[in-house]
Amino acid sequence: MALKQRPYNAHQLSETLNLNYKTVRHHIKVLEENDVITSAGKKKYGEMYFLTDKMEEDFNTFQDIWKELKTQHGNKYG
Protein backbone atom coordinates (compact mmCIF):
# COMPACT_ATOMS: atom_id res chain seq x y z
CA MET A 1 0.00 0.00 0.00
CA ALA A 2 1.62 3.21 -1.20
CA LEU A 3 0.28 5.39 1.63
CA LYS A 4 1.90 3.15 4.24
CA GLN A 5 5.28 4.30 2.92
CA ARG A 6 4.63 8.06 2.74
CA PRO A 7 1.91 10.64 2.02
CA TYR A 8 0.92 11.21 -1.61
CA ASN A 9 -1.38 13.62 -3.40
CA ALA A 10 -4.00 12.32 -5.85
CA HIS A 11 -1.83 12.98 -8.91
CA GLN A 12 1.14 11.13 -7.38
CA LEU A 13 -1.09 8.19 -6.45
CA SER A 14 -2.46 8.11 -9.97
CA GLU A 15 1.04 7.89 -11.42
CA THR A 16 2.41 5.49 -8.78
CA LEU A 17 -0.53 3.09 -9.10
CA ASN A 18 -0.88 3.56 -12.86
CA LEU A 19 -4.58 4.43 -12.49
CA ASN A 20 -6.80 7.10 -14.00
CA TYR A 21 -6.85 10.28 -11.90
CA LYS A 22 -10.66 10.28 -11.64
CA THR A 23 -10.58 6.67 -10.44
CA VAL A 24 -8.08 7.62 -7.74
CA ARG A 25 -10.20 10.62 -6.67
CA HIS A 26 -13.27 8.38 -6.37
CA HIS A 27 -11.44 5.86 -4.19
CA ILE A 28 -9.91 8.62 -2.06
CA LYS A 29 -13.42 9.87 -1.31
CA VAL A 30 -14.57 6.36 -0.31
CA LEU A 31 -11.48 5.76 1.84
CA GLU A 32 -11.88 9.12 3.60
CA GLU A 33 -15.58 8.45 4.28
CA ASN A 34 -14.58 5.14 5.90
CA ASP A 35 -11.78 6.63 8.02
CA VAL A 36 -9.02 4.70 6.25
CA ILE A 37 -7.15 7.78 5.00
CA THR A 38 -7.08 11.45 5.89
CA SER A 39 -5.37 14.50 4.45
CA ALA A 40 -3.48 17.67 5.19
CA GLY A 41 -4.30 20.86 3.31
CA LYS A 42 -8.02 20.13 2.99
CA LYS A 43 -9.67 21.17 -0.28
CA LYS A 44 -6.48 22.47 -1.87
CA TYR A 45 -4.70 21.31 -5.00
CA GLY A 46 -1.89 18.98 -4.02
CA GLU A 47 -3.65 17.87 -0.84
CA MET A 48 -1.54 15.11 0.74
CA TYR A 49 -3.21 11.88 1.85
CA PHE A 50 -2.00 9.46 4.49
CA LEU A 51 -3.35 6.62 6.62
CA THR A 52 -5.45 7.52 9.65
CA ASP A 53 -4.13 6.64 13.09
CA LYS A 54 -6.76 3.88 13.30
CA MET A 55 -5.61 2.36 10.01
CA GLU A 56 -1.98 2.57 11.12
CA GLU A 57 -2.91 0.69 14.32
CA ASP A 58 -4.86 -1.97 12.42
CA PHE A 59 -2.55 -2.28 9.40
CA ASN A 60 -1.29 -5.77 10.26
CA THR A 61 -4.87 -7.01 10.57
CA PHE A 62 -5.67 -5.40 7.21
CA GLN A 63 -2.70 -7.20 5.63
CA ASP A 64 -3.83 -10.54 7.06
CA ILE A 65 -7.34 -10.06 5.66
CA TRP A 66 -5.95 -8.97 2.28
CA LYS A 67 -3.72 -12.04 2.06
CA GLU A 68 -6.67 -14.30 2.88
CA LEU A 69 -8.82 -12.64 0.21
CA LYS A 70 -6.08 -13.10 -2.37
CA THR A 71 -5.67 -16.74 -1.39
CA GLN A 72 -9.40 -17.46 -1.56
CA HIS A 73 -9.87 -15.67 -4.89
CA GLY A 74 -6.72 -16.72 -6.74
CA ASN A 75 -4.88 -13.38 -6.52
CA LYS A 76 -7.76 -11.70 -8.36
CA TYR A 77 -7.18 -8.63 -6.14
CA GLY A 78 -3.60 -7.96 -7.15
PDB file of N, CA and C in Angstrom:
ATOM      1  N   MET A   1       0.848  -1.168   0.000  1.00  0.00           N
ATOM      2  CA  MET A   1       0.000   0.000   0.000  1.00  0.00           C
ATOM      3  C   MET A   1       0.895   1.234   0.000  1.00  0.00           C
ATOM      4  N   ALA A   2       0.758   2.049  -1.014  1.00  0.00           N
ATOM      5  CA  ALA A   2       1.620   3.211  -1.197  1.00  0.00           C
ATOM      6  C   ALA A   2       1.585   4.163  -0.006  1.00  0.00           C
ATOM      7  N   LEU A   3       0.405   4.412   0.546  1.00  0.00           N
ATOM      8  CA  LEU A   3       0.282   5.386   1.627  1.00  0.00           C
ATOM      9  C   LEU A   3       0.889   4.907   2.939  1.00  0.00           C
ATOM     10  N   LYS A   4       1.205   3.649   3.051  1.00  0.00           N
ATOM     11  CA  LYS A   4       1.901   3.146   4.240  1.00  0.00           C
ATOM     12  C   LYS A   4       3.339   3.656   4.240  1.00  0.00           C
ATOM     13  N   GLN A   5       3.891   3.864   3.056  1.00  0.00           N
ATOM     14  CA  GLN A   5       5.281   4.300   2.919  1.00  0.00           C
ATOM     15  C   GLN A   5       5.457   5.793   3.183  1.00  0.00           C
ATOM     16  N   ARG A   6       4.537   6.601   2.599  1.00  0.00           N
ATOM     17  CA  ARG A   6       4.633   8.061   2.744  1.00  0.00           C
ATOM     18  C   ARG A   6       3.350   8.692   2.222  1.00  0.00           C
ATOM     19  N   PRO A   7       3.094   9.963   2.567  1.00  0.00           N
ATOM     20  CA  PRO A   7       1.915  10.640   2.022  1.00  0.00           C
ATOM     21  C   PRO A   7       2.070  10.899   0.517  1.00  0.00           C
ATOM     22  N   TYR A   8       0.961  10.895  -0.183  1.00  0.00           N
ATOM     23  CA  TYR A   8       0.920  11.210  -1.610  1.00  0.00           C
ATOM     24  C   TYR A   8      -0.260  12.131  -1.874  1.00  0.00           C
ATOM     25  N   ASN A   9      -0.183  12.923  -2.950  1.00  0.00           N
ATOM     26  CA  ASN A   9      -1.379  13.622  -3.404  1.00  0.00           C
ATOM     27  C   ASN A   9      -2.051  12.753  -4.470  1.00  0.00           C
ATOM     28  N   ALA A  10      -3.231  13.148  -4.910  1.00  0.00           N
ATOM     29  CA  ALA A  10      -4.000  12.319  -5.846  1.00  0.00           C
ATOM     30  C   ALA A  10      -3.244  12.085  -7.149  1.00  0.00           C
ATOM     31  N   HIS A  11      -2.578  13.113  -7.650  1.00  0.00           N
ATOM     32  CA  HIS A  11      -1.828  12.975  -8.906  1.00  0.00           C
ATOM     33  C   HIS A  11      -0.686  11.968  -8.742  1.00  0.00           C
ATOM     34  N   GLN A  12       0.034  12.064  -7.634  1.00  0.00           N
ATOM     35  CA  GLN A  12       1.140  11.132  -7.376  1.00  0.00           C
ATOM     36  C   GLN A  12       0.631   9.708  -7.251  1.00  0.00           C
ATOM     37  N   LEU A  13      -0.503   9.531  -6.567  1.00  0.00           N
ATOM     38  CA  LEU A  13      -1.087   8.192  -6.447  1.00  0.00           C
ATOM     39  C   LEU A  13      -1.485   7.654  -7.817  1.00  0.00           C
ATOM     40  N   SER A  14      -2.066   8.504  -8.632  1.00  0.00           N
ATOM     41  CA  SER A  14      -2.464   8.107  -9.973  1.00  0.00           C
ATOM     42  C   SER A  14      -1.262   7.584 -10.765  1.00  0.00           C
ATOM     43  N   GLU A  15      -0.167   8.309 -10.704  1.00  0.00           N
ATOM     44  CA  GLU A  15       1.044   7.890 -11.419  1.00  0.00           C
ATOM     45  C   GLU A  15       1.666   6.646 -10.800  1.00  0.00           C
ATOM     46  N   THR A  16       1.777   6.611  -9.475  1.00  0.00           N
ATOM     47  CA  THR A  16       2.408   5.491  -8.777  1.00  0.00           C
ATOM     48  C   THR A  16       1.643   4.190  -8.999  1.00  0.00           C
ATOM     49  N   LEU A  17       0.310   4.283  -8.966  1.00  0.00           N
ATOM     50  CA  LEU A  17      -0.529   3.089  -9.096  1.00  0.00           C
ATOM     51  C   LEU A  17      -0.941   2.804 -10.530  1.00  0.00           C
ATOM     52  N   ASN A  18      -0.546   3.691 -11.442  1.00  0.00           N
ATOM     53  CA  ASN A  18      -0.884   3.558 -12.860  1.00  0.00           C
ATOM     54  C   ASN A  18      -2.405   3.447 -13.057  1.00  0.00           C
ATOM     55  N   LEU A  19      -3.131   4.377 -12.400  1.00  0.00           N
ATOM     56  CA  LEU A  19      -4.582   4.425 -12.485  1.00  0.00           C
ATOM     57  C   LEU A  19      -5.027   5.799 -12.977  1.00  0.00           C
ATOM     58  N   ASN A  20      -6.203   5.852 -13.559  1.00  0.00           N
ATOM     59  CA  ASN A  20      -6.796   7.097 -14.003  1.00  0.00           C
ATOM     60  C   ASN A  20      -6.999   8.023 -12.801  1.00  0.00           C
ATOM     61  N   TYR A  21      -6.728   9.306 -12.985  1.00  0.00           N
ATOM     62  CA  TYR A  21      -6.848  10.283 -11.905  1.00  0.00           C
ATOM     63  C   TYR A  21      -8.254  10.300 -11.312  1.00  0.00           C
ATOM     64  N   LYS A  22      -9.281  10.260 -12.144  1.00  0.00           N
ATOM     65  CA  LYS A  22     -10.657  10.284 -11.640  1.00  0.00           C
ATOM     66  C   LYS A  22     -10.974   9.031 -10.826  1.00  0.00           C
ATOM     67  N   THR A  23     -10.413   7.908 -11.208  1.00  0.00           N
ATOM     68  CA  THR A  23     -10.582   6.672 -10.439  1.00  0.00           C
ATOM     69  C   THR A  23      -9.960   6.829  -9.058  1.00  0.00           C
ATOM     70  N   VAL A  24      -8.769   7.392  -9.014  1.00  0.00           N
ATOM     71  CA  VAL A  24      -8.085   7.623  -7.745  1.00  0.00           C
ATOM     72  C   VAL A  24      -8.900   8.565  -6.869  1.00  0.00           C
ATOM     73  N   ARG A  25      -9.406   9.658  -7.444  1.00  0.00           N
ATOM     74  CA  ARG A  25     -10.205  10.618  -6.671  1.00  0.00           C
ATOM     75  C   ARG A  25     -11.445   9.940  -6.084  1.00  0.00           C
ATOM     76  N   HIS A  26     -12.094   9.093  -6.860  1.00  0.00           N
ATOM     77  CA  HIS A  26     -13.270   8.376  -6.374  1.00  0.00           C
ATOM     78  C   HIS A  26     -12.905   7.516  -5.161  1.00  0.00           C
ATOM     79  N   HIS A  27     -11.828   6.754  -5.273  1.00  0.00           N
ATOM     80  CA  HIS A  27     -11.438   5.862  -4.190  1.00  0.00           C
ATOM     81  C   HIS A  27     -10.948   6.644  -2.970  1.00  0.00           C
ATOM     82  N   ILE A  28     -10.311   7.768  -3.180  1.00  0.00           N
ATOM     83  CA  ILE A  28      -9.909   8.620  -2.059  1.00  0.00           C
ATOM     84  C   ILE A  28     -11.142   9.034  -1.267  1.00  0.00           C
ATOM     85  N   LYS A  29     -12.187   9.452  -1.973  1.00  0.00           N
ATOM     86  CA  LYS A  29     -13.422   9.869  -1.307  1.00  0.00           C
ATOM     87  C   LYS A  29     -13.991   8.728  -0.454  1.00  0.00           C
ATOM     88  N   VAL A  30     -14.042   7.524  -1.026  1.00  0.00           N
ATOM     89  CA  VAL A  30     -14.571   6.363  -0.306  1.00  0.00           C
ATOM     90  C   VAL A  30     -13.700   6.041   0.913  1.00  0.00           C
ATOM     91  N   LEU A  31     -12.396   6.068   0.730  1.00  0.00           N
ATOM     92  CA  LEU A  31     -11.483   5.756   1.837  1.00  0.00           C
ATOM     93  C   LEU A  31     -11.560   6.800   2.947  1.00  0.00           C
ATOM     94  N   GLU A  32     -11.719   8.073   2.586  1.00  0.00           N
ATOM     95  CA  GLU A  32     -11.884   9.116   3.601  1.00  0.00           C
ATOM     96  C   GLU A  32     -13.193   8.935   4.368  1.00  0.00           C
ATOM     97  N   GLU A  33     -14.269   8.642   3.641  1.00  0.00           N
ATOM     98  CA  GLU A  33     -15.575   8.448   4.281  1.00  0.00           C
ATOM     99  C   GLU A  33     -15.565   7.281   5.266  1.00  0.00           C
ATOM    100  N   ASN A  34     -14.665   6.329   5.044  1.00  0.00           N
ATOM    101  CA  ASN A  34     -14.579   5.144   5.903  1.00  0.00           C
ATOM    102  C   ASN A  34     -13.405   5.198   6.872  1.00  0.00           C
ATOM    103  N   ASP A  35     -12.832   6.388   7.033  1.00  0.00           N
ATOM    104  CA  ASP A  35     -11.778   6.627   8.018  1.00  0.00           C
ATOM    105  C   ASP A  35     -10.540   5.742   7.826  1.00  0.00           C
ATOM    106  N   VAL A  36     -10.233   5.475   6.570  1.00  0.00           N
ATOM    107  CA  VAL A  36      -9.024   4.702   6.255  1.00  0.00           C
ATOM    108  C   VAL A  36      -7.871   5.655   5.966  1.00  0.00           C
ATOM    109  N   ILE A  37      -8.158   6.762   5.271  1.00  0.00           N
ATOM    110  CA  ILE A  37      -7.153   7.780   4.997  1.00  0.00           C
ATOM    111  C   ILE A  37      -7.677   9.139   5.427  1.00  0.00           C
ATOM    112  N   THR A  38      -6.756  10.069   5.589  1.00  0.00           N
ATOM    113  CA  THR A  38      -7.080  11.451   5.894  1.00  0.00           C
ATOM    114  C   THR A  38      -6.102  12.325   5.111  1.00  0.00           C
ATOM    115  N   SER A  39      -6.241  13.628   5.239  1.00  0.00           N
ATOM    116  CA  SER A  39      -5.367  14.499   4.449  1.00  0.00           C
ATOM    117  C   SER A  39      -4.952  15.734   5.226  1.00  0.00           C
ATOM    118  N   ALA A  40      -3.929  16.373   4.696  1.00  0.00           N
ATOM    119  CA  ALA A  40      -3.476  17.669   5.187  1.00  0.00           C
ATOM    120  C   ALA A  40      -3.672  18.656   4.046  1.00  0.00           C
ATOM    121  N   GLY A  41      -4.064  19.866   4.354  1.00  0.00           N
ATOM    122  CA  GLY A  41      -4.303  20.857   3.312  1.00  0.00           C
ATOM    123  C   GLY A  41      -5.658  20.674   2.674  1.00  0.00           C
ATOM    124  N   LYS A  42      -6.671  20.432   3.478  1.00  0.00           N
ATOM    125  CA  LYS A  42      -8.024  20.133   2.991  1.00  0.00           C
ATOM    126  C   LYS A  42      -8.461  21.085   1.882  1.00  0.00           C
ATOM    127  N   LYS A  43      -9.031  20.459   0.836  1.00  0.00           N
ATOM    128  CA  LYS A  43      -9.665  21.171  -0.281  1.00  0.00           C
ATOM    129  C   LYS A  43      -8.714  22.053  -1.080  1.00  0.00           C
ATOM    130  N   LYS A  44      -7.446  21.714  -1.079  1.00  0.00           N
ATOM    131  CA  LYS A  44      -6.482  22.467  -1.872  1.00  0.00           C
ATOM    132  C   LYS A  44      -5.824  21.533  -2.878  1.00  0.00           C
ATOM    133  N   TYR A  45      -5.421  22.096  -4.010  1.00  0.00           N
ATOM    134  CA  TYR A  45      -4.697  21.311  -5.001  1.00  0.00           C
ATOM    135  C   TYR A  45      -3.414  20.799  -4.357  1.00  0.00           C
ATOM    136  N   GLY A  46      -3.103  19.567  -4.584  1.00  0.00           N
ATOM    137  CA  GLY A  46      -1.893  18.981  -4.020  1.00  0.00           C
ATOM    138  C   GLY A  46      -2.078  18.449  -2.607  1.00  0.00           C
ATOM    139  N   GLU A  47      -3.326  18.381  -2.161  1.00  0.00           N
ATOM    140  CA  GLU A  47      -3.654  17.867  -0.836  1.00  0.00           C
ATOM    141  C   GLU A  47      -2.979  16.505  -0.636  1.00  0.00           C
ATOM    142  N   MET A  48      -2.285  16.344   0.472  1.00  0.00           N
ATOM    143  CA  MET A  48      -1.542  15.115   0.741  1.00  0.00           C
ATOM    144  C   MET A  48      -2.381  14.163   1.584  1.00  0.00           C
ATOM    145  N   TYR A  49      -2.413  12.904   1.175  1.00  0.00           N
ATOM    146  CA  TYR A  49      -3.207  11.877   1.851  1.00  0.00           C
ATOM    147  C   TYR A  49      -2.285  10.901   2.565  1.00  0.00           C
ATOM    148  N   PHE A  50      -2.750  10.437   3.712  1.00  0.00           N
ATOM    149  CA  PHE A  50      -1.995   9.457   4.487  1.00  0.00           C
ATOM    150  C   PHE A  50      -2.971   8.610   5.292  1.00  0.00           C
ATOM    151  N   LEU A  51      -2.494   7.508   5.836  1.00  0.00           N
ATOM    152  CA  LEU A  51      -3.346   6.619   6.619  1.00  0.00           C
ATOM    153  C   LEU A  51      -3.764   7.294   7.923  1.00  0.00           C
ATOM    154  N   THR A  52      -4.999   7.011   8.348  1.00  0.00           N
ATOM    155  CA  THR A  52      -5.452   7.517   9.646  1.00  0.00           C
ATOM    156  C   THR A  52      -4.715   6.764  10.752  1.00  0.00           C
ATOM    157  N   ASP A  53      -4.751   7.323  11.947  1.00  0.00           N
ATOM    158  CA  ASP A  53      -4.131   6.644  13.094  1.00  0.00           C
ATOM    159  C   ASP A  53      -4.747   5.264  13.292  1.00  0.00           C
ATOM    160  N   LYS A  54      -6.065   5.174  13.138  1.00  0.00           N
ATOM    161  CA  LYS A  54      -6.764   3.885  13.305  1.00  0.00           C
ATOM    162  C   LYS A  54      -6.259   2.857  12.292  1.00  0.00           C
ATOM    163  N   MET A  55      -6.097   3.284  11.040  1.00  0.00           N
ATOM    164  CA  MET A  55      -5.612   2.357  10.008  1.00  0.00           C
ATOM    165  C   MET A  55      -4.165   1.952  10.288  1.00  0.00           C
ATOM    166  N   GLU A  56      -3.360   2.894  10.753  1.00  0.00           N
ATOM    167  CA  GLU A  56      -1.975   2.566  11.124  1.00  0.00           C
ATOM    168  C   GLU A  56      -1.968   1.486  12.212  1.00  0.00           C
ATOM    169  N   GLU A  57      -2.836   1.657  13.210  1.00  0.00           N
ATOM    170  CA  GLU A  57      -2.910   0.689  14.317  1.00  0.00           C
ATOM    171  C   GLU A  57      -3.347  -0.692  13.829  1.00  0.00           C
ATOM    172  N   ASP A  58      -4.264  -0.714  12.887  1.00  0.00           N
ATOM    173  CA  ASP A  58      -4.859  -1.972  12.419  1.00  0.00           C
ATOM    174  C   ASP A  58      -4.243  -2.487  11.113  1.00  0.00           C
ATOM    175  N   PHE A  59      -3.119  -1.938  10.701  1.00  0.00           N
ATOM    176  CA  PHE A  59      -2.555  -2.277   9.396  1.00  0.00           C
ATOM    177  C   PHE A  59      -2.194  -3.755   9.277  1.00  0.00           C
ATOM    178  N   ASN A  60      -1.650  -4.352  10.327  1.00  0.00           N
ATOM    179  CA  ASN A  60      -1.289  -5.770  10.258  1.00  0.00           C
ATOM    180  C   ASN A  60      -2.525  -6.640  10.071  1.00  0.00           C
ATOM    181  N   THR A  61      -3.612  -6.280  10.737  1.00  0.00           N
ATOM    182  CA  THR A  61      -4.870  -7.012  10.566  1.00  0.00           C
ATOM    183  C   THR A  61      -5.365  -6.868   9.136  1.00  0.00           C
ATOM    184  N   PHE A  62      -5.295  -5.643   8.608  1.00  0.00           N
ATOM    185  CA  PHE A  62      -5.666  -5.402   7.214  1.00  0.00           C
ATOM    186  C   PHE A  62      -4.855  -6.302   6.274  1.00  0.00           C
ATOM    187  N   GLN A  63      -3.550  -6.369   6.481  1.00  0.00           N
ATOM    188  CA  GLN A  63      -2.700  -7.201   5.628  1.00  0.00           C
ATOM    189  C   GLN A  63      -3.100  -8.673   5.714  1.00  0.00           C
ATOM    190  N   ASP A  64      -3.407  -9.145   6.894  1.00  0.00           N
ATOM    191  CA  ASP A  64      -3.835 -10.539   7.063  1.00  0.00           C
ATOM    192  C   ASP A  64      -5.119 -10.808   6.279  1.00  0.00           C
ATOM    193  N   ILE A  65      -6.080  -9.909   6.388  1.00  0.00           N
ATOM    194  CA  ILE A  65      -7.344 -10.063   5.663  1.00  0.00           C
ATOM    195  C   ILE A  65      -7.094 -10.017   4.162  1.00  0.00           C
ATOM    196  N   TRP A  66      -6.253  -9.093   3.708  1.00  0.00           N
ATOM    197  CA  TRP A  66      -5.949  -8.967   2.283  1.00  0.00           C
ATOM    198  C   TRP A  66      -5.311 -10.237   1.732  1.00  0.00           C
ATOM    199  N   LYS A  67      -4.365 -10.793   2.479  1.00  0.00           N
ATOM    200  CA  LYS A  67      -3.716 -12.044   2.062  1.00  0.00           C
ATOM    201  C   LYS A  67      -4.740 -13.165   1.936  1.00  0.00           C
ATOM    202  N   GLU A  68      -5.646 -13.250   2.902  1.00  0.00           N
ATOM    203  CA  GLU A  68      -6.673 -14.296   2.878  1.00  0.00           C
ATOM    204  C   GLU A  68      -7.595 -14.123   1.674  1.00  0.00           C
ATOM    205  N   LEU A  69      -7.983 -12.889   1.392  1.00  0.00           N
ATOM    206  CA  LEU A  69      -8.822 -12.635   0.206  1.00  0.00           C
ATOM    207  C   LEU A  69      -8.115 -13.064  -1.074  1.00  0.00           C
ATOM    208  N   LYS A  70      -6.843 -12.725  -1.183  1.00  0.00           N
ATOM    209  CA  LYS A  70      -6.079 -13.095  -2.371  1.00  0.00           C
ATOM    210  C   LYS A  70      -5.967 -14.600  -2.506  1.00  0.00           C
ATOM    211  N   THR A  71      -5.768 -15.279  -1.377  1.00  0.00           N
ATOM    212  CA  THR A  71      -5.669 -16.744  -1.392  1.00  0.00           C
ATOM    213  C   THR A  71      -6.994 -17.378  -1.824  1.00  0.00           C
ATOM    214  N   GLN A  72      -8.083 -16.894  -1.269  1.00  0.00           N
ATOM    215  CA  GLN A  72      -9.398 -17.464  -1.559  1.00  0.00           C
ATOM    216  C   GLN A  72      -9.851 -17.177  -2.991  1.00  0.00           C
ATOM    217  N   HIS A  73      -9.378 -16.077  -3.569  1.00  0.00           N
ATOM    218  CA  HIS A  73      -9.868 -15.670  -4.893  1.00  0.00           C
ATOM    219  C   HIS A  73      -8.773 -15.713  -5.964  1.00  0.00           C
ATOM    220  N   GLY A  74      -7.756 -16.503  -5.741  1.00  0.00           N
ATOM    221  CA  GLY A  74      -6.719 -16.719  -6.744  1.00  0.00           C
ATOM    222  C   GLY A  74      -5.991 -15.462  -7.180  1.00  0.00           C
ATOM    223  N   ASN A  75      -5.609 -14.620  -6.251  1.00  0.00           N
ATOM    224  CA  ASN A  75      -4.883 -13.380  -6.521  1.00  0.00           C
ATOM    225  C   ASN A  75      -5.622 -12.439  -7.458  1.00  0.00           C
ATOM    226  N   LYS A  76      -6.922 -12.565  -7.533  1.00  0.00           N
ATOM    227  CA  LYS A  76      -7.764 -11.698  -8.356  1.00  0.00           C
ATOM    228  C   LYS A  76      -7.632 -10.240  -7.937  1.00  0.00           C
ATOM    229  N   TYR A  77      -7.252  -9.983  -6.684  1.00  0.00           N
ATOM    230  CA  TYR A  77      -7.176  -8.629  -6.145  1.00  0.00           C
ATOM    231  C   TYR A  77      -5.792  -8.022  -6.221  1.00  0.00           C
ATOM    232  N   GLY A  78      -4.903  -8.575  -6.971  1.00  0.00           N
ATOM    233  CA  GLY A  78      -3.596  -7.961  -7.154  1.00  0.00           C
ATOM    234  C   GLY A  78      -2.552  -8.329  -6.222  1.00  0.00           C
TER     235      GLY A  78
END
